[in-house]
Amino acid sequence: MTNSTAIDPRYLIGEYEPKPFSIPQKIEWLADIKFLPLQVENAILNLDENQL
């Protein structure tokens, strides 16, 4: 008997389902990628060695 509520370890956030996207969505995704390093840098700026 299989448990239908068990999480498949290959798809921890769910199985990939391709979905259509728009140009504005693509621009938003690219901006997320572009600014992520700066956001991470700002997030850790005032952390000391132990917090890192």
PDB file of N, CA and C in Angstrom:
ATOM      1  N   MET A   1       0.850  -1.191   0.000  1.00  0.00           N
ATOM      2  CA  MET A   1       0.000   0.000   0.000  1.00  0.00           C
ATOM      3  C   MET A   1       0.891   1.248   0.000  1.00  0.00           C
ATOM      4  N   THR A   2       0.615   2.174  -0.859  1.00  0.00           N
ATOM      5  CA  THR A   2       1.403   3.398  -0.938  1.00  0.00           C
ATOM      6  C   THR A   2       0.674   4.528  -0.248  1.00  0.00           C
ATOM      7  N   ASN A   3       1.454   5.432   0.287  1.00  0.00           N
ATOM      8  CA  ASN A   3       0.900   6.594   0.963  1.00  0.00           C
ATOM      9  C   ASN A   3       0.897   7.754  -0.031  1.00  0.00           C
ATOM     10  N   SER A   4      -0.267   8.209  -0.448  1.00  0.00           N
ATOM     11  CA  SER A   4      -0.366   9.264  -1.458  1.00  0.00           C
ATOM     12  C   SER A   4       0.064  10.627  -0.933  1.00  0.00           C
ATOM     13  N   THR A   5       0.178  10.770   0.400  1.00  0.00           N
ATOM     14  CA  THR A   5       0.593  12.050   0.959  1.00  0.00           C
ATOM     15  C   THR A   5       2.099  12.122   1.181  1.00  0.00           C
ATOM     16  N   ALA A   6       2.811  11.020   0.937  1.00  0.00           N
ATOM     17  CA  ALA A   6       4.265  11.018   1.107  1.00  0.00           C
ATOM     18  C   ALA A   6       4.906  11.928   0.066  1.00  0.00           C
ATOM     19  N   ILE A   7       5.945  12.618   0.473  1.00  0.00           N
ATOM     20  CA  ILE A   7       6.661  13.523  -0.430  1.00  0.00           C
ATOM     21  C   ILE A   7       7.718  12.735  -1.181  1.00  0.00           C
ATOM     22  N   ASP A   8       7.687  12.833  -2.480  1.00  0.00           N
ATOM     23  CA  ASP A   8       8.699  12.186  -3.317  1.00  0.00           C
ATOM     24  C   ASP A   8      10.002  12.953  -3.118  1.00  0.00           C
ATOM     25  N   PRO A   9      11.066  12.311  -2.632  1.00  0.00           N
ATOM     26  CA  PRO A   9      12.319  13.038  -2.352  1.00  0.00           C
ATOM     27  C   PRO A   9      12.963  13.640  -3.596  1.00  0.00           C
ATOM     28  N   ARG A  10      12.536  13.229  -4.766  1.00  0.00           N
ATOM     29  CA  ARG A  10      13.081  13.826  -5.988  1.00  0.00           C
ATOM     30  C   ARG A  10      12.470  15.190  -6.271  1.00  0.00           C
ATOM     31  N   TYR A  11      11.304  15.452  -5.702  1.00  0.00           N
ATOM     32  CA  TYR A  11      10.578  16.697  -5.980  1.00  0.00           C
ATOM     33  C   TYR A  11      10.134  17.339  -4.666  1.00  0.00           C
ATOM     34  N   LEU A  12      11.100  17.843  -3.896  1.00  0.00           N
ATOM     35  CA  LEU A  12      10.779  18.369  -2.570  1.00  0.00           C
ATOM     36  C   LEU A  12       9.837  19.562  -2.598  1.00  0.00           C
ATOM     37  N   ILE A  13       9.874  20.334  -3.656  1.00  0.00           N
ATOM     38  CA  ILE A  13       8.970  21.489  -3.756  1.00  0.00           C
ATOM     39  C   ILE A  13       7.863  21.233  -4.762  1.00  0.00           C
ATOM     40  N   GLY A  14       7.720  19.997  -5.175  1.00  0.00           N
ATOM     41  CA  GLY A  14       6.693  19.632  -6.134  1.00  0.00           C
ATOM     42  C   GLY A  14       7.294  19.324  -7.487  1.00  0.00           C
ATOM     43  N   GLU A  15       6.625  18.478  -8.218  1.00  0.00           N
ATOM     44  CA  GLU A  15       7.096  18.107  -9.546  1.00  0.00           C
ATOM     45  C   GLU A  15       6.978  19.312 -10.481  1.00  0.00           C
ATOM     46  N   TYR A  16       7.951  19.460 -11.362  1.00  0.00           N
ATOM     47  CA  TYR A  16       7.978  20.594 -12.303  1.00  0.00           C
ATOM     48  C   TYR A  16       6.784  20.533 -13.237  1.00  0.00           C
ATOM     49  N   GLU A  17       6.107  21.653 -13.353  1.00  0.00           N
ATOM     50  CA  GLU A  17       4.993  21.783 -14.282  1.00  0.00           C
ATOM     51  C   GLU A  17       5.245  23.029 -15.125  1.00  0.00           C
ATOM     52  N   PRO A  18       5.597  22.850 -16.397  1.00  0.00           N
ATOM     53  CA  PRO A  18       5.838  24.028 -17.231  1.00  0.00           C
ATOM     54  C   PRO A  18       4.571  24.877 -17.354  1.00  0.00           C
ATOM     55  N   LYS A  19       4.773  26.181 -17.291  1.00  0.00           N
ATOM     56  CA  LYS A  19       3.650  27.119 -17.396  1.00  0.00           C
ATOM     57  C   LYS A  19       4.039  28.234 -18.356  1.00  0.00           C
ATOM     58  N   PRO A  20       3.064  28.763 -19.069  1.00  0.00           N
ATOM     59  CA  PRO A  20       3.381  29.884 -19.959  1.00  0.00           C
ATOM     60  C   PRO A  20       3.788  31.112 -19.149  1.00  0.00           C
ATOM     61  N   PHE A  21       4.597  31.960 -19.758  1.00  0.00           N
ATOM     62  CA  PHE A  21       5.004  33.182 -19.079  1.00  0.00           C
ATOM     63  C   PHE A  21       4.925  34.343 -20.067  1.00  0.00           C
ATOM     64  N   SER A  22       4.948  35.541 -19.512  1.00  0.00           N
ATOM     65  CA  SER A  22       4.869  36.741 -20.329  1.00  0.00           C
ATOM     66  C   SER A  22       6.219  37.451 -20.308  1.00  0.00           C
ATOM     67  N   ILE A  23       6.375  38.379 -21.203  1.00  0.00           N
ATOM     68  CA  ILE A  23       7.603  39.184 -21.243  1.00  0.00           C
ATOM     69  C   ILE A  23       7.778  39.959 -19.930  1.00  0.00           C
ATOM     70  N   PRO A  24       6.732  40.584 -19.375  1.00  0.00           N
ATOM     71  CA  PRO A  24       6.917  41.256 -18.074  1.00  0.00           C
ATOM     72  C   PRO A  24       7.364  40.289 -16.973  1.00  0.00           C
ATOM     73  N   GLN A  25       6.851  39.061 -16.984  1.00  0.00           N
ATOM     74  CA  GLN A  25       7.276  38.068 -15.995  1.00  0.00           C
ATOM     75  C   GLN A  25       8.742  37.724 -16.194  1.00  0.00           C
ATOM     76  N   LYS A  26       9.166  37.585 -17.437  1.00  0.00           N
ATOM     77  CA  LYS A  26      10.573  37.291 -17.741  1.00  0.00           C
ATOM     78  C   LYS A  26      11.473  38.425 -17.263  1.00  0.00           C
ATOM     79  N   ILE A  27      11.071  39.662 -17.484  1.00  0.00           N
ATOM     80  CA  ILE A  27      11.842  40.822 -17.038  1.00  0.00           C
ATOM     81  C   ILE A  27      11.951  40.830 -15.513  1.00  0.00           C
ATOM     82  N   GLU A  28      10.858  40.483 -14.832  1.00  0.00           N
ATOM     83  CA  GLU A  28      10.873  40.437 -13.369  1.00  0.00           C
ATOM     84  C   GLU A  28      11.833  39.349 -12.876  1.00  0.00           C
ATOM     85  N   TRP A  29      11.801  38.180 -13.507  1.00  0.00           N
ATOM     86  CA  TRP A  29      12.706  37.094 -13.112  1.00  0.00           C
ATOM     87  C   TRP A  29      14.163  37.488 -13.324  1.00  0.00           C
ATOM     88  N   LEU A  30      14.455  38.126 -14.439  1.00  0.00           N
ATOM     89  CA  LEU A  30      15.826  38.539 -14.718  1.00  0.00           C
ATOM     90  C   LEU A  30      16.301  39.598 -13.726  1.00  0.00           C
ATOM     91  N   ALA A  31      15.401  40.494 -13.335  1.00  0.00           N
ATOM     92  CA  ALA A  31      15.749  41.501 -12.322  1.00  0.00           C
ATOM     93  C   ALA A  31      16.030  40.823 -10.980  1.00  0.00           C
ATOM     94  N   ASP A  32      15.240  39.801 -10.641  1.00  0.00           N
ATOM     95  CA  ASP A  32      15.492  39.055  -9.399  1.00  0.00           C
ATOM     96  C   ASP A  32      16.890  38.464  -9.410  1.00  0.00           C
ATOM     97  N   ILE A  33      17.270  37.873 -10.518  1.00  0.00           N
ATOM     98  CA  ILE A  33      18.604  37.271 -10.649  1.00  0.00           C
ATOM     99  C   ILE A  33      19.682  38.349 -10.589  1.00  0.00           C
ATOM    100  N   LYS A  34      19.451  39.456 -11.276  1.00  0.00           N
ATOM    101  CA  LYS A  34      20.436  40.525 -11.336  1.00  0.00           C
ATOM    102  C   LYS A  34      20.717  41.126  -9.962  1.00  0.00           C
ATOM    103  N   PHE A  35      19.674  41.327  -9.160  1.00  0.00           N
ATOM    104  CA  PHE A  35      19.833  42.036  -7.893  1.00  0.00           C
ATOM    105  C   PHE A  35      20.045  41.122  -6.696  1.00  0.00           C
ATOM    106  N   LEU A  36      19.958  39.812  -6.869  1.00  0.00           N
ATOM    107  CA  LEU A  36      20.138  38.898  -5.747  1.00  0.00           C
ATOM    108  C   LEU A  36      21.497  39.057  -5.067  1.00  0.00           C
ATOM    109  N   PRO A  37      22.615  39.125  -5.795  1.00  0.00           N
ATOM    110  CA  PRO A  37      23.898  39.290  -5.093  1.00  0.00           C
ATOM    111  C   PRO A  37      23.942  40.549  -4.218  1.00  0.00           C
ATOM    112  N   LEU A  38      23.413  41.646  -4.690  1.00  0.00           N
ATOM    113  CA  LEU A  38      23.389  42.879  -3.902  1.00  0.00           C
ATOM    114  C   LEU A  38      22.504  42.723  -2.664  1.00  0.00           C
ATOM    115  N   GLN A  39      21.370  42.055  -2.822  1.00  0.00           N
ATOM    116  CA  GLN A  39      20.476  41.837  -1.688  1.00  0.00           C
ATOM    117  C   GLN A  39      21.131  40.946  -0.632  1.00  0.00           C
ATOM    118  N   VAL A  40      21.843  39.925  -1.072  1.00  0.00           N
ATOM    119  CA  VAL A  40      22.551  39.051  -0.127  1.00  0.00           C
ATOM    120  C   VAL A  40      23.657  39.836   0.572  1.00  0.00           C
ATOM    121  N   GLU A  41      24.406  40.623  -0.184  1.00  0.00           N
ATOM    122  CA  GLU A  41      25.468  41.436   0.412  1.00  0.00           C
ATOM    123  C   GLU A  41      24.903  42.374   1.467  1.00  0.00           C
ATOM    124  N   ASN A  42      23.795  43.031   1.166  1.00  0.00           N
ATOM    125  CA  ASN A  42      23.172  43.933   2.136  1.00  0.00           C
ATOM    126  C   ASN A  42      22.659  43.188   3.359  1.00  0.00           C
ATOM    127  N   ALA A  43      22.174  41.975   3.161  1.00  0.00           N
ATOM    128  CA  ALA A  43      21.632  41.192   4.265  1.00  0.00           C
ATOM    129  C   ALA A  43      22.721  40.773   5.246  1.00  0.00           C
ATOM    130  N   ILE A  44      23.927  40.545   4.761  1.00  0.00           N
ATOM    131  CA  ILE A  44      24.996  40.063   5.649  1.00  0.00           C
ATOM    132  C   ILE A  44      25.990  41.159   6.026  1.00  0.00           C
ATOM    133  N   LEU A  45      25.769  42.366   5.580  1.00  0.00           N
ATOM    134  CA  LEU A  45      26.702  43.461   5.778  1.00  0.00           C
ATOM    135  C   LEU A  45      27.120  43.666   7.227  1.00  0.00           C
ATOM    136  N   ASN A  46      26.182  43.636   8.147  1.00  0.00           N
ATOM    137  CA  ASN A  46      26.481  43.927   9.542  1.00  0.00           C
ATOM    138  C   ASN A  46      26.586  42.685  10.419  1.00  0.00           C
ATOM    139  N   LEU A  47      26.726  41.528   9.826  1.00  0.00           N
ATOM    140  CA  LEU A  47      26.861  40.304  10.606  1.00  0.00           C
ATOM    141  C   LEU A  47      28.321  40.098  10.998  1.00  0.00           C
ATOM    142  N   ASP A  48      28.527  39.594  12.211  1.00  0.00           N
ATOM    143  CA  ASP A  48      29.903  39.303  12.621  1.00  0.00           C
ATOM    144  C   ASP A  48      30.260  37.867  12.201  1.00  0.00           C
ATOM    145  N   GLU A  49      31.475  37.452  12.521  1.00  0.00           N
ATOM    146  CA  GLU A  49      31.976  36.156  12.085  1.00  0.00           C
ATOM    147  C   GLU A  49      31.111  35.005  12.593  1.00  0.00           C
ATOM    148  N   ASN A  50      30.651  35.086  13.831  1.00  0.00           N
ATOM    149  CA  ASN A  50      29.812  34.032  14.403  1.00  0.00           C
ATOM    150  C   ASN A  50      28.456  33.942  13.709  1.00  0.00           C
ATOM    151  N   GLN A  51      27.914  35.067  13.307  1.00  0.00           N
ATOM    152  CA  GLN A  51      26.610  35.067  12.650  1.00  0.00           C
ATOM    153  C   GLN A  51      26.692  34.562  11.209  1.00  0.00           C
ATOM    154  N   LEU A  52      27.866  34.684  10.609  1.00  0.00           N
ATOM    155  CA  LEU A  52      28.032  34.185   9.253  1.00  0.00           C
ATOM    156  C   LEU A  52      28.142  32.683   9.280  1.00  0.00           C
TER     157      LEU A  52
END
